[in-house]
C-alpha atoms as a PDB file:
ATOM      1  CA  MET A   1       2.208 -17.938  21.324  1.00  0.00           C
ATOM      2  CA  ALA A   2      -0.892 -19.395  24.401  1.00  0.00           C
ATOM      3  CA  TYR A   3      -2.968 -16.187  22.589  1.00  0.00           C
ATOM      4  CA  LEU A   4      -3.328 -18.640  19.689  1.00  0.00           C
ATOM      5  CA  ASP A   5      -5.638 -21.219  21.393  1.00  0.00           C
ATOM      6  CA  GLU A   6      -8.118 -18.301  22.159  1.00  0.00           C
ATOM      7  CA  LEU A   7      -7.936 -17.154  18.902  1.00  0.00           C
ATOM      8  CA  ARG A   8      -9.004 -20.345  16.831  1.00  0.00           C
ATOM      9  CA  ARG A   9     -11.783 -20.521  20.189  1.00  0.00           C
ATOM     10  CA  HIS A  10     -13.502 -16.863  18.087  1.00  0.00           C
ATOM     11  CA  PHE A  11     -12.249 -16.601  14.816  1.00  0.00           C
ATOM     12  CA  ARG A  12     -14.009 -17.962  11.804  1.00  0.00           C
ATOM     13  CA  GLY A  13     -10.986 -17.146   9.338  1.00  0.00           C
ATOM     14  CA  GLU A  14      -7.778 -18.648   8.191  1.00  0.00           C
ATOM     15  CA  LEU A  15      -4.874 -19.021  10.687  1.00  0.00           C
ATOM     16  CA  LYS A  16      -1.333 -20.116   9.438  1.00  0.00           C
ATOM     17  CA  THR A  17       1.862 -20.121  11.858  1.00  0.00           C
ATOM     18  CA  ASN A  18       4.901 -19.126  10.473  1.00  0.00           C
ATOM     19  CA  GLU A  19       4.093 -18.067   7.266  1.00  0.00           C
ATOM     20  CA  PRO A  20       6.575 -16.595   4.471  1.00  0.00           C
ATOM     21  CA  LEU A  21       6.028 -13.298   3.942  1.00  0.00           C
ATOM     22  CA  ALA A  22       8.444 -12.549   0.679  1.00  0.00           C
ATOM     23  CA  VAL A  23       5.976 -13.772  -2.316  1.00  0.00           C
ATOM     24  CA  ARG A  24       3.334 -11.404  -0.726  1.00  0.00           C
ATOM     25  CA  THR A  25       5.683  -8.429  -1.495  1.00  0.00           C
ATOM     26  CA  SER A  26       6.504  -7.008  -4.467  1.00  0.00           C
ATOM     27  CA  VAL A  27      10.144  -6.781  -3.755  1.00  0.00           C
ATOM     28  CA  ARG A  28      10.371 -10.498  -2.791  1.00  0.00           C
ATOM     29  CA  ALA A  29      12.007 -10.365   0.176  1.00  0.00           C
ATOM     30  CA  GLY A  30      11.870 -10.497   3.763  1.00  0.00           C
ATOM     31  CA  GLY A  31      10.838 -13.251   6.291  1.00  0.00           C
ATOM     32  CA  ALA A  32       7.528 -14.814   7.950  1.00  0.00           C
ATOM     33  CA  ALA A  33       4.600 -14.141  10.488  1.00  0.00           C
ATOM     34  CA  ASP A  34       4.236 -15.731  13.565  1.00  0.00           C
ATOM     35  CA  VAL A  35       0.496 -15.945  12.876  1.00  0.00           C
ATOM     36  CA  PHE A  36      -0.776 -15.534   9.582  1.00  0.00           C
ATOM     37  CA  ALA A  37      -4.337 -14.369   9.534  1.00  0.00           C
ATOM     38  CA  ARG A  38      -7.437 -13.889   6.800  1.00  0.00           C
ATOM     39  CA  PRO A  39     -10.736 -13.054   8.406  1.00  0.00           C
ATOM     40  CA  VAL A  40     -14.162 -13.477   6.542  1.00  0.00           C
ATOM     41  CA  ASP A  41     -15.658 -10.287   6.865  1.00  0.00           C
ATOM     42  CA  PRO A  42     -14.832  -7.032   8.874  1.00  0.00           C
ATOM     43  CA  GLU A  43     -16.947  -8.514  12.158  1.00  0.00           C
ATOM     44  CA  ASP A  44     -14.205 -11.367  12.228  1.00  0.00           C
ATOM     45  CA  LEU A  45     -11.711  -8.903  11.383  1.00  0.00           C
ATOM     46  CA  ARG A  46     -13.016  -6.713  14.975  1.00  0.00           C
ATOM     47  CA  VAL A  47     -12.881 -10.234  16.549  1.00  0.00           C
ATOM     48  CA  LEU A  48      -8.937 -11.027  15.844  1.00  0.00           C
ATOM     49  CA  LEU A  49      -8.254  -6.694  17.251  1.00  0.00           C
ATOM     50  CA  ALA A  50      -9.567  -7.446  19.815  1.00  0.00           C
ATOM     51  CA  SER A  51      -8.334 -10.364  21.139  1.00  0.00           C
ATOM     52  CA  CYS A  52      -5.149  -9.236  20.192  1.00  0.00           C
ATOM     53  CA  ALA A  53      -5.427  -6.307  21.999  1.00  0.00           C
ATOM     54  CA  ALA A  54      -6.987  -8.175  25.082  1.00  0.00           C
ATOM     55  CA  ALA A  55      -3.384 -10.184  24.762  1.00  0.00           C
ATOM     56  CA  ASP A  56      -1.273  -7.613  23.939  1.00  0.00           C
ATOM     57  CA  VAL A  57      -0.728  -9.198  20.517  1.00  0.00           C
ATOM     58  CA  PRO A  58       1.247  -6.520  17.839  1.00  0.00           C
ATOM     59  CA  LEU A  59      -0.821  -6.639  14.563  1.00  0.00           C
ATOM     60  CA  SER A  60      -0.128  -5.853  11.456  1.00  0.00           C
ATOM     61  CA  VAL A  61      -1.968  -5.670   8.108  1.00  0.00           C
ATOM     62  CA  LEU A  62      -0.956  -6.405   4.692  1.00  0.00           C
ATOM     63  CA  GLY A  63      -1.870  -5.168   1.449  1.00  0.00           C
ATOM     64  CA  GLY A  64      -0.824  -6.039  -1.754  1.00  0.00           C
ATOM     65  CA  GLY A  65       2.782  -5.859  -0.395  1.00  0.00           C
ATOM     66  CA  ALA A  66       3.979  -3.013  -2.933  1.00  0.00           C
ATOM     67  CA  ASN A  67       5.573  -0.528  -1.010  1.00  0.00           C
ATOM     68  CA  THR A  68       6.167  -2.858   2.678  1.00  0.00           C
ATOM     69  CA  LEU A  69       9.363  -4.111   3.124  1.00  0.00           C
ATOM     70  CA  VAL A  70       9.607  -7.082   5.592  1.00  0.00           C
ATOM     71  CA  ALA A  71      12.185  -7.426   8.448  1.00  0.00           C
ATOM     72  CA  ASP A  72      14.402 -10.738   7.594  1.00  0.00           C
ATOM     73  CA  ASP A  73      13.847 -12.193  11.057  1.00  0.00           C
ATOM     74  CA  GLY A  74       9.924 -11.751  10.163  1.00  0.00           C
ATOM     75  CA  VAL A  75       6.809  -9.984  12.212  1.00  0.00           C
ATOM     76  CA  GLU A  76       6.145 -10.476  15.862  1.00  0.00           C
ATOM     77  CA  GLY A  77       2.065 -11.217  16.947  1.00  0.00           C
ATOM     78  CA  VAL A  78      -0.168 -11.140  14.042  1.00  0.00           C
ATOM     79  CA  VAL A  79      -0.462 -10.246  10.655  1.00  0.00           C
ATOM     80  CA  VAL A  80      -3.742  -9.724   8.437  1.00  0.00           C
ATOM     81  CA  LYS A  81      -4.176 -10.529   4.770  1.00  0.00           C
ATOM     82  CA  LEU A  82      -7.900  -8.651   4.071  1.00  0.00           C
ATOM     83  CA  PRO A  83      -9.548 -10.778   1.588  1.00  0.00           C
ATOM     84  CA  VAL A  84     -11.435  -9.302  -1.141  1.00  0.00           C
ATOM     85  CA  PHE A  85     -14.849  -8.521   0.158  1.00  0.00           C
ATOM     86  CA  ALA A  86     -17.869  -8.362  -1.789  1.00  0.00           C
ATOM     87  CA  ALA A  87     -18.456  -5.567  -4.166  1.00  0.00           C
ATOM     88  CA  GLU A  88     -20.879  -3.246  -4.057  1.00  0.00           C
ATOM     89  CA  SER A  89     -22.385  -0.920  -6.758  1.00  0.00           C
ATOM     90  CA  ALA A  90     -25.131   2.233  -7.169  1.00  0.00           C
ATOM     91  CA  LEU A  91     -25.522   3.681 -10.957  1.00  0.00           C
ATOM     92  CA  ASP A  92     -27.000   6.408 -12.215  1.00  0.00           C
ATOM     93  CA  ALA A  93     -27.572   9.386 -14.379  1.00  0.00           C
ATOM     94  CA  ASP A  94     -24.387  11.441 -13.226  1.00  0.00           C
ATOM     95  CA  GLY A  95     -21.884   8.343 -12.268  1.00  0.00           C
ATOM     96  CA  GLY A  96     -21.812   5.908 -10.240  1.00  0.00           C
ATOM     97  CA  SER A  97     -20.913   4.805  -6.569  1.00  0.00           C
ATOM     98  CA  PHE A  98     -18.645   1.750  -5.565  1.00  0.00           C
ATOM     99  CA  VAL A  99     -18.111  -0.157  -2.638  1.00  0.00           C
ATOM    100  CA  LEU A 100     -14.994  -2.260  -2.290  1.00  0.00           C
ATOM    101  CA  GLY A 101     -13.047  -3.903  -0.125  1.00  0.00           C
ATOM    102  CA  ALA A 102      -9.906  -3.226   1.337  1.00  0.00           C
ATOM    103  CA  GLY A 103      -7.963  -5.921  -0.354  1.00  0.00           C
ATOM    104  CA  ALA A 104      -9.611  -5.058  -3.551  1.00  0.00           C
ATOM    105  CA  PRO A 105      -6.340  -4.164  -6.329  1.00  0.00           C
ATOM    106  CA  ILE A 106      -6.132  -0.366  -6.798  1.00  0.00           C
ATOM    107  CA  ALA A 107      -6.935  -2.035 -10.761  1.00  0.00           C
ATOM    108  CA  LYS A 108     -10.164  -2.515 -10.126  1.00  0.00           C
ATOM    109  CA  VAL A 109     -11.009   1.026 -10.306  1.00  0.00           C
ATOM    110  CA  ALA A 110      -9.697   1.595 -13.471  1.00  0.00           C
ATOM    111  CA  GLN A 111     -11.501  -1.853 -14.565  1.00  0.00           C
ATOM    112  CA  LEU A 112     -14.714   0.106 -13.361  1.00  0.00           C
ATOM    113  CA  MET A 113     -14.326   3.117 -15.181  1.00  0.00           C
ATOM    114  CA  LYS A 114     -13.863   1.008 -18.782  1.00  0.00           C
ATOM    115  CA  GLU A 115     -16.725  -1.589 -17.995  1.00  0.00           C
ATOM    116  CA  HIS A 116     -19.076   1.570 -16.879  1.00  0.00           C
ATOM    117  CA  ASP A 117     -17.974   4.800 -19.009  1.00  0.00           C
ATOM    118  CA  LEU A 118     -17.180   6.133 -15.773  1.00  0.00           C
ATOM    119  CA  ALA A 119     -14.346   8.932 -15.147  1.00  0.00           C
ATOM    120  CA  GLY A 120     -12.516  10.801 -12.093  1.00  0.00           C
ATOM    121  CA  ALA A 121      -9.591   8.454 -10.899  1.00  0.00           C
ATOM    122  CA  GLU A 122      -7.244   8.841 -14.253  1.00  0.00           C
ATOM    123  CA  PHE A 123      -4.383   8.861 -11.731  1.00  0.00           C
ATOM    124  CA  LEU A 124      -4.981   5.943 -10.025  1.00  0.00           C
ATOM    125  CA  ALA A 125      -4.526   3.692 -13.262  1.00  0.00           C
ATOM    126  CA  GLY A 126      -0.695   1.092 -12.756  1.00  0.00           C
ATOM    127  CA  ILE A 127      -0.541   2.293  -9.161  1.00  0.00           C
ATOM    128  CA  PRO A 128      -0.008  -0.682  -7.676  1.00  0.00           C
ATOM    129  CA  GLY A 129      -1.076  -2.117  -3.882  1.00  0.00           C
ATOM    130  CA  THR A 130      -4.937  -2.713  -2.473  1.00  0.00           C
ATOM    131  CA  LEU A 131      -7.543   0.471  -2.313  1.00  0.00           C
ATOM    132  CA  GLY A 132      -7.049  -0.462   1.636  1.00  0.00           C
ATOM    133  CA  GLY A 133      -3.296   1.192   0.965  1.00  0.00           C
ATOM    134  CA  ALA A 134      -4.092   3.384  -1.468  1.00  0.00           C
ATOM    135  CA  VAL A 135      -6.806   4.921   1.403  1.00  0.00           C
ATOM    136  CA  SER A 136      -4.003   4.679   4.433  1.00  0.00           C
ATOM    137  CA  MET A 137      -0.883   6.433   2.018  1.00  0.00           C
ATOM    138  CA  ASN A 138      -2.876   8.327  -0.424  1.00  0.00           C
ATOM    139  CA  ALA A 139      -1.630   7.032  -3.144  1.00  0.00           C
ATOM    140  CA  GLY A 140      -1.477   9.002  -6.347  1.00  0.00           C
ATOM    141  CA  THR A 141       0.167  10.952  -8.906  1.00  0.00           C
ATOM    142  CA  LYS A 142       0.528  14.628  -9.776  1.00  0.00           C
ATOM    143  CA  ASN A 143      -2.125  14.386 -11.624  1.00  0.00           C
ATOM    144  CA  GLY A 144      -4.331  13.544  -8.364  1.00  0.00           C
ATOM    145  CA  GLU A 145      -4.953  11.110  -5.092  1.00  0.00           C
ATOM    146  CA  THR A 146      -7.541   9.455  -3.866  1.00  0.00           C
ATOM    147  CA  VAL A 147      -9.265  10.917  -1.371  1.00  0.00           C
ATOM    148  CA  ARG A 148     -10.623  13.126  -4.565  1.00  0.00           C
ATOM    149  CA  VAL A 149     -12.833  10.440  -5.766  1.00  0.00           C
ATOM    150  CA  VAL A 150     -13.695   8.352  -1.877  1.00  0.00           C
ATOM    151  CA  GLU A 151     -16.981   9.109  -0.310  1.00  0.00           C
ATOM    152  CA  ALA A 152     -16.138   7.178   2.676  1.00  0.00           C
ATOM    153  CA  VAL A 153     -14.002   4.791   4.696  1.00  0.00           C
ATOM    154  CA  GLU A 154     -15.224   1.911   6.276  1.00  0.00           C
ATOM    155  CA  ILE A 155     -13.112   1.388   9.422  1.00  0.00           C
ATOM    156  CA  THR A 156     -13.176  -1.675  11.604  1.00  0.00           C
ATOM    157  CA  SER A 157     -11.697  -1.789  15.160  1.00  0.00           C
ATOM    158  CA  PRO A 158     -11.866  -3.920  18.387  1.00  0.00           C
ATOM    159  CA  HIS A 159     -14.806  -1.585  19.482  1.00  0.00           C
ATOM    160  CA  GLY A 160     -16.764  -2.129  15.912  1.00  0.00           C
ATOM    161  CA  VAL A 161     -17.537  -1.498  12.121  1.00  0.00           C
ATOM    162  CA  ARG A 162     -18.645   1.773  11.267  1.00  0.00           C
ATOM    163  CA  TRP A 163     -18.402   4.157   7.521  1.00  0.00           C
ATOM    164  CA  VAL A 164     -16.808   7.442   8.697  1.00  0.00           C
ATOM    165  CA  ALA A 165     -16.920  10.426   5.630  1.00  0.00           C
ATOM    166  CA  ARG A 166     -13.989  11.857   3.769  1.00  0.00           C
ATOM    167  CA  GLY A 167     -14.609  14.804   6.053  1.00  0.00           C
ATOM    168  CA  GLU A 168     -13.839  13.210   9.716  1.00  0.00           C
ATOM    169  CA  LEU A 169     -10.666  12.296   8.029  1.00  0.00           C
ATOM    170  CA  GLU A 170      -7.557  14.119   8.048  1.00  0.00           C
ATOM    171  CA  TRP A 171      -6.115  13.769   4.904  1.00  0.00           C
ATOM    172  CA  ARG A 172      -1.981  14.243   3.458  1.00  0.00           C
ATOM    173  CA  TYR A 173       0.628  13.617   1.271  1.00  0.00           C
ATOM    174  CA  ARG A 174       0.736  10.071   1.290  1.00  0.00           C
ATOM    175  CA  ALA A 175      -1.075  10.202   4.495  1.00  0.00           C
ATOM    176  CA  CYS A 176      -4.396   9.245   5.724  1.00  0.00           C
ATOM    177  CA  GLU A 177      -5.124   9.842   9.837  1.00  0.00           C
ATOM    178  CA  LEU A 178      -6.752   7.003  10.775  1.00  0.00           C
ATOM    179  CA  PRO A 179      -8.608   6.070  13.949  1.00  0.00           C
ATOM    180  CA  VAL A 180      -6.489   4.848  16.052  1.00  0.00           C
ATOM    181  CA  GLY A 181      -6.344   0.921  16.100  1.00  0.00           C
ATOM    182  CA  GLY A 182      -8.954   1.323  12.560  1.00  0.00           C
ATOM    183  CA  VAL A 183      -8.634  -0.986  10.058  1.00  0.00           C
ATOM    184  CA  VAL A 184      -9.461  -0.237   6.709  1.00  0.00           C
ATOM    185  CA  THR A 185     -11.936  -3.186   5.371  1.00  0.00           C
ATOM    186  CA  ARG A 186     -14.196  -1.281   2.766  1.00  0.00           C
ATOM    187  CA  VAL A 187     -14.420   1.794   0.788  1.00  0.00           C
ATOM    188  CA  ARG A 188     -17.132   3.619  -1.163  1.00  0.00           C
ATOM    189  CA  ILE A 189     -15.545   5.371  -3.997  1.00  0.00           C
ATOM    190  CA  ARG A 190     -17.745   7.839  -6.265  1.00  0.00           C
ATOM    191  CA  LEU A 191     -16.637   7.899 -10.010  1.00  0.00           C
ATOM    192  CA  HIS A 192     -18.689  10.841 -12.613  1.00  0.00           C
ATOM    193  CA  ARG A 193     -19.877   9.941 -16.430  1.00  0.00           C
ATOM    194  CA  PRO A 194     -18.556  12.320 -18.386  1.00  0.00           C
ATOM    195  CA  ASP A 195     -19.417  12.968 -22.142  1.00  0.00           C
ATOM    196  CA  SER A 196     -17.316  11.440 -25.328  1.00  0.00           C
ATOM    197  CA  MET A 197     -14.559  14.244 -25.253  1.00  0.00           C
ATOM    198  CA  GLY A 198     -14.409  13.438 -21.861  1.00  0.00           C
ATOM    199  CA  LEU A 199     -14.504  10.038 -21.813  1.00  0.00           C
ATOM    200  CA  ALA A 200     -11.916   9.854 -24.341  1.00  0.00           C
ATOM    201  CA  ALA A 201      -9.857  12.078 -22.740  1.00  0.00           C
ATOM    202  CA  SER A 202     -10.067   9.901 -19.606  1.00  0.00           C
ATOM    203  CA  ARG A 203      -8.658   6.767 -21.829  1.00  0.00           C
ATOM    204  CA  ARG A 204      -5.744   8.648 -22.804  1.00  0.00           C
ATOM    205  CA  ALA A 205      -4.549  10.107 -19.079  1.00  0.00           C
ATOM    206  CA  MET A 206      -4.661   6.479 -18.401  1.00  0.00           C
ATOM    207  CA  GLU A 207      -2.809   4.875 -21.781  1.00  0.00           C
ATOM    208  CA  ALA A 208      -0.278   7.846 -21.238  1.00  0.00           C
ATOM    209  CA  ASP A 209       0.166   7.181 -17.738  1.00  0.00           C
ATOM    210  CA  LEU A 210       0.742   3.303 -17.787  1.00  0.00           C
ATOM    211  CA  ALA A 211       3.447   4.191 -21.405  1.00  0.00           C
ATOM    212  CA  TYR A 212       4.645   6.476 -18.256  1.00  0.00           C
ATOM    213  CA  ARG A 213       5.093   4.039 -16.313  1.00  0.00           C
ATOM    214  CA  LYS A 214       6.238   1.512 -18.427  1.00  0.00           C
ATOM    215  CA  SER A 215       9.013   3.115 -19.884  1.00  0.00           C
ATOM    216  CA  THR A 216      10.061   4.562 -16.327  1.00  0.00           C
ATOM    217  CA  GLN A 217       9.966   2.360 -13.607  1.00  0.00           C
ATOM    218  CA  PRO A 218      11.693  -0.849 -13.810  1.00  0.00           C
ATOM    219  CA  LEU A 219       8.273  -2.647 -13.365  1.00  0.00           C
ATOM    220  CA  HIS A 220       9.955  -6.183 -14.552  1.00  0.00           C
ATOM    221  CA  LEU A 221      12.331  -6.930 -11.917  1.00  0.00           C
ATOM    222  CA  PRO A 222      10.808  -7.056  -8.492  1.00  0.00           C
ATOM    223  CA  ASN A 223      10.640  -3.947  -6.443  1.00  0.00           C
ATOM    224  CA  SER A 224       9.999  -2.204  -3.813  1.00  0.00           C
ATOM    225  CA  GLY A 225       8.063   0.624  -5.299  1.00  0.00           C
ATOM    226  CA  SER A 226       8.399   4.469  -4.677  1.00  0.00           C
ATOM    227  CA  VAL A 227      11.038   4.310  -1.683  1.00  0.00           C
ATOM    228  CA  PHE A 228      10.742   8.177  -0.762  1.00  0.00           C
ATOM    229  CA  THR A 229       7.833  10.797  -0.908  1.00  0.00           C
ATOM    230  CA  ASN A 230       9.020  13.443  -3.078  1.00  0.00           C
ATOM    231  CA  PRO A 231       9.827  16.352  -0.538  1.00  0.00           C
ATOM    232  CA  PRO A 232       9.165  19.466  -1.697  1.00  0.00           C
ATOM    233  CA  GLY A 233       9.431  21.124  -4.342  1.00  0.00           C
ATOM    234  CA  ASP A 234      11.967  18.539  -5.613  1.00  0.00           C
ATOM    235  CA  HIS A 235      11.908  14.800  -6.618  1.00  0.00           C
ATOM    236  CA  ALA A 236      13.894  12.220  -4.328  1.00  0.00           C
ATOM    237  CA  GLY A 237      14.812  10.476  -7.426  1.00  0.00           C
ATOM    238  CA  ARG A 238      16.721  13.270  -8.864  1.00  0.00           C
ATOM    239  CA  LEU A 239      18.372  13.865  -5.255  1.00  0.00           C
ATOM    240  CA  ILE A 240      19.512  10.269  -4.942  1.00  0.00           C
ATOM    241  CA  GLU A 241      20.951  10.363  -8.604  1.00  0.00           C
ATOM    242  CA  ALA A 242      22.754  13.331  -8.141  1.00  0.00           C
ATOM    243  CA  VAL A 243      24.692  12.266  -5.085  1.00  0.00           C
ATOM    244  CA  GLY A 244      25.547   9.154  -7.853  1.00  0.00           C
ATOM    245  CA  LEU A 245      23.891   6.170  -6.569  1.00  0.00           C
ATOM    246  CA  LYS A 246      22.079   5.185  -9.077  1.00  0.00           C
ATOM    247  CA  GLY A 247      22.838   1.717  -9.785  1.00  0.00           C
ATOM    248  CA  ARG A 248      24.260   1.141  -6.119  1.00  0.00           C
ATOM    249  CA  ARG A 249      24.132  -2.251  -4.765  1.00  0.00           C
ATOM    250  CA  ALA A 250      24.110  -3.837  -1.188  1.00  0.00           C
ATOM    251  CA  GLY A 251      24.083  -7.364  -1.456  1.00  0.00           C
ATOM    252  CA  ASN A 252      21.413  -8.611  -4.725  1.00  0.00           C
ATOM    253  CA  ALA A 253      19.754  -5.097  -3.756  1.00  0.00           C
ATOM    254  CA  GLN A 254      20.042  -2.444  -6.308  1.00  0.00           C
ATOM    255  CA  ILE A 255      18.942   1.544  -6.559  1.00  0.00           C
ATOM    256  CA  SER A 256      17.560   1.213  -9.837  1.00  0.00           C
ATOM    257  CA  GLU A 257      19.625   1.978 -12.871  1.00  0.00           C
ATOM    258  CA  GLN A 258      16.280   3.220 -14.581  1.00  0.00           C
ATOM    259  CA  HIS A 259      14.708   5.046 -11.469  1.00  0.00           C
ATOM    260  CA  ALA A 260      16.786   6.648  -8.710  1.00  0.00           C
ATOM    261  CA  ASN A 261      14.370   6.327  -6.064  1.00  0.00           C
ATOM    262  CA  TRP A 262      13.143   2.142  -6.954  1.00  0.00           C
ATOM    263  CA  ILE A 263      15.205  -0.343  -5.743  1.00  0.00           C
ATOM    264  CA  VAL A 264      15.314  -3.655  -7.390  1.00  0.00           C
ATOM    265  CA  ASN A 265      15.753  -7.195  -6.113  1.00  0.00           C
ATOM    266  CA  LEU A 266      18.284  -8.875  -8.686  1.00  0.00           C
ATOM    267  CA  GLY A 267      17.846 -12.107  -7.275  1.00  0.00           C
ATOM    268  CA  SER A 268      17.147 -13.763  -3.562  1.00  0.00           C
ATOM    269  CA  ALA A 269      17.930 -10.349  -2.255  1.00  0.00           C
ATOM    270  CA  LEU A 270      17.450  -9.742   1.814  1.00  0.00           C
ATOM    271  CA  ALA A 271      15.544  -7.444   2.980  1.00  0.00           C
ATOM    272  CA  SER A 272      18.532  -6.050   5.153  1.00  0.00           C
ATOM    273  CA  ASP A 273      20.228  -4.789   1.614  1.00  0.00           C
ATOM    274  CA  VAL A 274      16.941  -2.962   0.818  1.00  0.00           C
ATOM    275  CA  ARG A 275      16.889  -1.544   4.112  1.00  0.00           C
ATOM    276  CA  ALA A 276      20.651  -0.574   3.859  1.00  0.00           C
ATOM    277  CA  LEU A 277      20.143   1.247   0.858  1.00  0.00           C
ATOM    278  CA  ILE A 278      17.781   3.055   1.973  1.00  0.00           C
ATOM    279  CA  ASP A 279      19.467   3.756   4.824  1.00  0.00           C
ATOM    280  CA  LEU A 280      22.718   5.474   2.067  1.00  0.00           C
ATOM    281  CA  ALA A 281      20.294   7.317   0.278  1.00  0.00           C
ATOM    282  CA  ARG A 282      18.726   8.615   3.320  1.00  0.00           C
ATOM    283  CA  ALA A 283      22.418   9.822   4.919  1.00  0.00           C
ATOM    284  CA  GLU A 284      23.771  10.573   1.745  1.00  0.00           C
ATOM    285  CA  VAL A 285      21.241  12.551   0.416  1.00  0.00           C
ATOM    286  CA  ALA A 286      21.125  14.538   3.752  1.00  0.00           C
ATOM    287  CA  ALA A 287      24.323  15.094   3.873  1.00  0.00           C
ATOM    288  CA  ARG A 288      24.933  16.998   0.501  1.00  0.00           C
ATOM    289  CA  PHE A 289      22.003  18.937   0.256  1.00  0.00           C
ATOM    290  CA  GLY A 290      20.345  19.043   3.410  1.00  0.00           C
ATOM    291  CA  VAL A 291      16.639  17.535   2.671  1.00  0.00           C
ATOM    292  CA  THR A 292      15.936  14.435   4.567  1.00  0.00           C
ATOM    293  CA  LEU A 293      14.503  12.046   2.529  1.00  0.00           C
ATOM    294  CA  VAL A 294      10.751  10.382   3.958  1.00  0.00           C
ATOM    295  CA  PRO A 295      10.184   6.525   3.781  1.00  0.00           C
ATOM    296  CA  GLU A 296       7.260   5.741   1.434  1.00  0.00           C
ATOM    297  CA  VAL A 297       8.493   1.993   1.985  1.00  0.00           C
ATOM    298  CA  LYS A 298       6.926   1.108   5.380  1.00  0.00           C
ATOM    299  CA  LEU A 299       9.398  -1.767   6.996  1.00  0.00           C
ATOM    300  CA  VAL A 300       7.882  -4.363   8.915  1.00  0.00           C
ATOM    301  CA  GLY A 301       9.181  -6.387  11.838  1.00  0.00           C
ATOM    302  CA  ARG A 302      12.080  -7.518  13.680  1.00  0.00           C
ATOM    303  CA  TRP A 303      14.704  -5.082  13.039  1.00  0.00           C
ATOM    304  CA  SER A 304      17.510  -3.876  14.199  1.00  0.00           C
ATOM    305  CA  PRO A 305      18.634  -1.809  15.019  1.00  0.00           C
ATOM    306  CA  PRO A 306      14.371  -0.608  14.834  1.00  0.00           C
ATOM    307  CA  ALA A 307      12.676   0.450  12.443  1.00  0.00           C
END
C-alpha cells in the first residue's frame, strides 16, 4: 500500500489500516478495510478522491452501515466514513431549509421537525442509516421518498466541491444517479410549517410508522434492513415467504421469521452466510414466480464469486 505515504502527506483526516467494519454495519458481519479514512471536511474528501484516482486505488463510501454487506475477506483499497459536518438552518414563516452533513443520521430530520414544529418528511421516521445514504438510494416508504424534501445536494469529486439542484439529478425508485466519481457530502432539505391540525397529523403519522416498524420488523437483532426492493405490484417479503424460505438459516444468518425480506444475525454470522440466503431467495423466487428480485442491500468488498 505504497499510496498511503502520499495520502498521509496531503490528507488531514483520520487514516487507519486493517480496520474492522462489521461493527459499523447493521448486520454486524464482514471483514476489515485495507484503509479506513475519515475526512475532516468536503475539501479533505476531494483530496482523498483525487489521490485514490491518481493511484488507481478502489474507494468505497460507508454510510450508517444499514443495507450494506461487507465481504468476509474485507474491502480492498480505501473505505471512507463521512463525519457529521456542521448543520445550518434558515427558518421563515413558511417553514425552514436545513443543510445537513451526509454523515448525519436520517433520524435528525425527524428531530428537526419536532424541534421547530415542521412537517413534510414523516415517511423518513424510523428509517436507519445516514442522510447521504438516503439520498443515494432515494430512501422512503409507500408514503414518500427522500427526493420530496431535497432542495439540493453537495457533491464532492476529485475535481471539486459543488452544489447540484434536485432537478439536475435523476431520481428513481430506491435510486439516485450521482455524477460519476461523486460523493454526497451535504444535503439541503426543505420542511414546511403546517397549521395546528396538520402538525398533529404529522406527529400521528410518525408515531404510527414507528409503531408499525417495531411490530413488523426484527429490530431487536442485528439485521440487513430490507434485502430486496419490492417488484412492481408486489412485495419481496410475500414472494420469499410464498416459496417457503421464512425462517431458513445459513450458519447463524436467518431469513427473519418476522419479516421475510429481512435477514438477521443470530450471533457471529458470516457475511457469506447472509449472501447465501440472498442468493437462495433470488433463485427460489425466480424459479417459482419468474420474478427477479433486485437487491437493496449493497455488497461491498472481496466476494467470490464477485458481487
